[in-house]
Amino acid sequence: MKTMTHATAPRSLPTLVETIAQLPLTRWISVMRERRHLSDLEPHLLKDIGVSETDRDREVVRPFWDVTSRS
């Protein structure tokens, strides 16, 4: 029987809570604002910045705590 290693184990709730707690509130607000603005962009403006409508749609539905280092 194969045991799960840390790398393959699903993220536990305490780990998720710790991750969320480490992100500053101001960053969340900034990301929410950026996603809201992104959702309002016209298709020709998305094309100008190199973002497809599919990518935009995928990004704007992400929850506010789902922030990567590039978000």
Protein backbone atom coordinates (compact mmCIF):
# COMPACT_ATOMS: atom_id res chain seq x y z
CA MET A 1 0.00 0.00 0.00
CA LYS A 2 1.39 3.38 -1.03
CA THR A 3 1.34 6.11 1.59
CA MET A 4 0.73 9.73 0.73
CA THR A 5 3.67 12.02 0.99
CA HIS A 6 3.45 15.69 1.83
CA ALA A 7 3.83 16.54 -1.86
CA THR A 8 0.86 14.40 -2.90
CA ALA A 9 -1.38 14.90 0.11
CA PRO A 10 -4.35 17.22 -0.33
CA ARG A 11 -3.97 20.57 1.36
CA SER A 12 -5.32 20.37 4.89
CA LEU A 13 -7.70 22.97 6.29
CA PRO A 14 -5.20 24.28 8.88
CA THR A 15 -2.61 24.76 6.13
CA LEU A 16 -5.15 26.58 3.97
CA VAL A 17 -6.18 28.79 6.89
CA GLU A 18 -2.52 29.57 7.66
CA THR A 19 -1.94 30.49 4.02
CA ILE A 20 -4.96 32.77 3.98
CA ALA A 21 -3.94 34.40 7.27
CA GLN A 22 -0.50 35.22 5.89
CA LEU A 23 -1.86 37.30 3.02
CA PRO A 24 -2.45 40.94 3.85
CA LEU A 25 -5.99 42.26 3.63
CA THR A 26 -4.84 45.08 1.38
CA ARG A 27 -3.54 42.54 -1.16
CA TRP A 28 -6.93 40.81 -1.25
CA ILE A 29 -8.70 44.10 -1.80
CA SER A 30 -6.28 44.99 -4.58
CA VAL A 31 -6.77 41.62 -6.30
CA MET A 32 -10.57 41.89 -6.03
CA ARG A 33 -10.42 45.36 -7.58
CA GLU A 34 -8.11 44.19 -10.39
CA ARG A 35 -10.37 41.24 -11.19
CA ARG A 36 -13.44 43.49 -11.21
CA HIS A 37 -11.73 45.88 -13.66
CA LEU A 38 -10.62 42.95 -15.79
CA SER A 39 -14.21 41.70 -15.95
CA ASP A 40 -15.31 45.08 -17.35
CA LEU A 41 -12.80 45.21 -20.21
CA GLU A 42 -14.11 45.10 -23.76
CA PRO A 43 -12.81 42.30 -26.03
CA HIS A 44 -10.62 44.68 -28.06
CA LEU A 45 -8.93 45.91 -24.87
CA LEU A 46 -8.34 42.34 -23.71
CA LYS A 47 -6.67 41.67 -27.05
CA ASP A 48 -4.45 44.73 -26.54
CA ILE A 49 -3.11 43.30 -23.26
CA GLY A 50 -2.85 39.74 -24.58
CA VAL A 51 -5.62 38.19 -22.50
CA SER A 52 -8.27 35.97 -24.08
CA GLU A 53 -11.89 36.21 -23.02
CA THR A 54 -11.63 32.64 -21.72
CA ASP A 55 -8.62 33.53 -19.56
CA ARG A 56 -10.42 36.63 -18.31
CA ASP A 57 -13.53 34.63 -17.44
CA ARG A 58 -11.42 32.05 -15.59
CA GLU A 59 -9.61 34.74 -13.62
CA VAL A 60 -12.61 36.80 -12.54
CA VAL A 61 -14.43 33.86 -10.93
CA ARG A 62 -11.50 32.96 -8.69
CA PRO A 63 -12.19 33.62 -4.99
CA PHE A 64 -10.46 36.62 -3.42
CA TRP A 65 -8.17 34.43 -1.33
CA ASP A 66 -6.90 32.59 -4.42
CA VAL A 67 -3.88 34.80 -4.95
CA THR A 68 -0.67 33.67 -6.58
CA SER A 69 2.56 35.59 -6.43
CA ARG A 70 1.77 36.99 -9.90
CA SER A 71 -1.86 37.95 -9.16
